[in-house]
Protein backbone atom coordinates (compact mmCIF):
# COMPACT_ATOMS: atom_id res chain seq x y z
CA MET A 1 76.58 -10.46 -27.02
CA VAL A 2 79.12 -12.92 -25.77
CA ARG A 3 78.84 -11.60 -22.20
CA ALA A 4 75.05 -12.15 -22.01
CA SER A 5 75.26 -15.76 -23.15
CA LEU A 6 78.11 -16.42 -20.70
CA ARG A 7 76.05 -15.01 -17.82
CA LYS A 8 73.10 -17.19 -18.80
CA ALA A 9 75.32 -20.26 -18.87
CA ARG A 10 76.71 -19.52 -15.41
CA ASN A 11 73.28 -19.09 -13.81
CA ARG A 12 71.65 -22.07 -15.47
CA LYS A 13 70.24 -24.66 -13.09
CA VAL A 14 70.48 -28.30 -14.13
CA VAL A 15 67.08 -30.00 -14.12
CA SER A 16 67.11 -33.51 -12.73
CA ARG A 17 64.14 -35.78 -12.37
CA LYS A 18 63.85 -38.42 -9.71
CA PRO A 19 62.17 -41.65 -10.76
CA LYS A 20 58.84 -42.34 -9.10
CA ASP A 21 58.62 -45.08 -6.51
CA LYS A 22 56.59 -47.77 -8.28
CA ASN A 23 55.78 -49.77 -5.15
CA LEU A 24 52.38 -49.19 -3.62
CA LYS A 25 52.48 -48.46 0.09
CA THR A 26 49.98 -50.25 2.28
CA ARG A 27 48.95 -46.99 3.95
CA GLN A 28 47.65 -45.84 0.55
CA ILE A 29 45.10 -48.67 0.51
CA ARG A 30 41.87 -47.44 2.12
CA ASP A 31 40.05 -50.76 2.35
CA PRO A 32 41.03 -52.67 5.52
CA ALA A 33 40.32 -56.13 4.05
CA LEU A 34 42.54 -55.49 1.03
CA ARG A 35 45.21 -53.82 3.15
CA LYS A 36 45.39 -56.90 5.39
CA ARG A 37 45.92 -59.21 2.39
CA TYR A 38 48.36 -56.98 0.48
CA ASP A 39 51.88 -58.44 0.17
CA LYS A 40 54.67 -55.88 -0.29
CA LYS A 41 56.92 -58.43 -1.97
CA LYS A 42 54.46 -58.87 -4.85
CA THR A 43 53.57 -56.35 -7.54
CA LEU A 44 50.21 -54.65 -7.60
CA LEU A 45 48.98 -56.86 -10.43
CA GLU A 46 50.08 -60.05 -8.65
CA ASN A 47 48.35 -58.89 -5.47
CA LEU A 48 45.11 -58.17 -7.29
CA LYS A 49 45.22 -61.53 -9.05
CA SER A 50 45.74 -63.37 -5.77
CA THR A 51 42.82 -61.65 -3.99
CA ASP A 52 39.38 -63.21 -4.16
CA VAL A 53 36.82 -60.42 -3.96
CA LYS A 54 33.91 -62.80 -3.45
CA GLU A 55 35.64 -64.40 -0.47
CA MET A 56 36.66 -61.03 1.01
CA TYR A 57 33.21 -59.46 0.82
CA SER A 58 30.89 -62.47 0.99
CA ASP A 59 29.30 -61.15 4.19
CA LEU A 60 28.42 -57.84 2.47
CA LEU A 61 26.91 -59.37 -0.68
CA PRO A 62 23.16 -60.12 -0.82
CA ALA A 63 22.06 -63.76 -0.66
CA GLU A 64 20.15 -63.46 -3.93
CA ILE A 65 19.67 -60.80 -6.58
CA PRO A 66 16.26 -59.10 -6.21
CA LYS A 67 13.74 -59.66 -9.00
CA GLN A 68 12.23 -56.16 -8.99
CA ALA A 69 13.95 -52.80 -9.16
CA ALA A 70 14.48 -50.94 -5.92
CA HIS A 71 12.91 -47.78 -7.36
CA PRO A 72 9.72 -48.39 -9.37
CA THR A 73 9.07 -46.14 -12.38
CA LYS A 74 6.92 -43.12 -11.61
CA VAL A 75 5.19 -40.63 -13.89
CA ASN A 76 5.37 -36.97 -12.97
CA GLU A 77 2.67 -34.33 -13.45
CA GLU A 78 4.28 -33.06 -16.64
CA GLU A 79 4.26 -36.50 -18.30
CA LYS A 80 0.75 -37.55 -17.14
CA PRO A 81 -1.30 -35.56 -19.73
CA ILE A 82 0.99 -36.71 -22.54
CA ILE A 83 0.54 -40.36 -21.57
CA GLU A 84 -3.24 -39.92 -21.32
CA LYS A 85 -3.29 -38.48 -24.86
CA PHE A 86 -1.06 -41.35 -26.04
CA VAL A 87 -3.49 -43.95 -24.71
CA GLN A 88 -6.52 -42.11 -26.15
CA LYS A 89 -4.94 -41.83 -29.58
CA HIS A 90 -2.94 -45.09 -29.94
CA GLY A 91 -4.33 -47.46 -27.32
CA TYR A 92 -1.42 -49.66 -26.22
CA ASN A 93 0.54 -49.53 -29.49
CA TYR A 94 3.88 -48.36 -28.06
CA ASP A 95 5.61 -48.23 -31.44
CA ALA A 96 2.97 -45.81 -32.74
CA MET A 97 3.46 -43.69 -29.60
CA HIS A 98 7.19 -43.63 -30.29
CA TRP A 99 6.70 -42.37 -33.86
CA ASP A 100 4.04 -39.74 -33.00
CA ILE A 101 6.17 -36.59 -33.35
CA LYS A 102 3.46 -34.19 -32.19
CA LEU A 103 2.68 -35.89 -28.87
CA ASN A 104 6.09 -37.43 -28.15
CA VAL A 105 7.79 -34.15 -27.27
CA PHE A 106 10.32 -35.87 -24.96
CA GLN A 107 11.37 -38.26 -27.79
CA TRP A 108 10.75 -41.41 -25.76
CA THR A 109 11.59 -44.75 -27.31
CA ALA A 110 8.92 -47.45 -27.64
CA ALA A 111 10.31 -49.17 -24.52
CA ALA A 112 10.25 -45.88 -22.56
CA CYS A 113 6.64 -45.29 -23.66
CA LYS A 114 5.67 -48.76 -22.50
CA LYS A 115 7.40 -48.28 -19.16
CA ARG A 116 5.65 -44.96 -18.52
CA VAL A 117 2.22 -46.14 -19.70
CA LEU A 118 2.41 -49.17 -17.39
CA ALA A 119 3.45 -46.94 -14.47
CA TRP A 120 0.56 -44.55 -15.27
CA LYS A 121 -1.84 -47.50 -15.45
CA LYS A 122 -0.69 -48.72 -12.00
CA GLY A 123 -1.16 -45.23 -10.60
CA ASN A 124 2.50 -44.49 -9.87
CA ILE A 125 2.13 -40.74 -10.27
CA ARG A 126 4.52 -38.35 -8.60
CA SER A 127 3.55 -34.78 -7.71
CA ALA A 128 5.62 -31.70 -8.51
CA ALA A 129 6.31 -31.21 -4.79
CA ALA A 130 7.75 -34.72 -4.61
CA GLU A 131 9.95 -33.96 -7.63
CA ILE A 132 11.29 -30.86 -5.88
CA LEU A 133 11.94 -32.81 -2.67
CA SER A 134 13.77 -35.45 -4.68
CA GLY A 135 15.93 -32.72 -6.19
CA HIS A 136 16.75 -31.40 -2.72
CA GLY A 137 17.78 -34.89 -1.68
CA MET A 138 20.05 -35.14 -4.72
CA ASP A 139 21.58 -31.78 -3.80
CA LEU A 140 22.31 -33.04 -0.31
CA ARG A 141 23.97 -36.17 -1.69
CA LYS A 142 25.90 -34.39 -4.45
CA PRO A 143 25.58 -30.60 -4.25
CA LEU A 144 26.25 -28.48 -7.32
CA PHE A 145 26.70 -25.04 -5.78
CA GLY A 146 27.99 -23.20 -2.73
CA ALA A 147 29.96 -24.28 0.31
CA ALA A 148 28.28 -27.68 0.36
CA LYS A 149 30.09 -28.58 -2.88
CA GLN A 150 33.42 -28.09 -1.11
CA ARG A 151 32.36 -30.38 1.76
CA ASN A 152 34.52 -33.49 2.10
CA VAL A 153 32.06 -36.35 1.76
CA PHE A 154 34.41 -39.27 1.14
CA GLY A 155 36.86 -38.81 4.02
CA HIS A 156 40.02 -38.12 1.99
């Protein structure tokens, strides 16, 4: 009994931990504008407080914020018959559409009903083929399966 504990004590390796270097190295900063302004003598928080993001990226910002959304609301082929029944039954009473549990199978809010009815009224209808193509585009941008998921998109 004594021999086993002595052998364990002789072979024991002392665990030592080295403290992490808390200074941020400039090569770790990916953005060239921020890397150029970064001062090694200051802390990270002081550096971030001293940088003016609006001044650094003023050439990349738009002159004015657009009034309309970049992607208008569209109604797909699955939603179209539901919206037509909504309008036949309730007219343009969006709150009644919201509370109609038989027709509102997607559980849209009153605002969502209004948004879709207005898109349907304008004629913004999207086919099933377009939905599939959109899905393929999303897969190309952010794939879920296969070798494409392992692809390095961001360069690091």
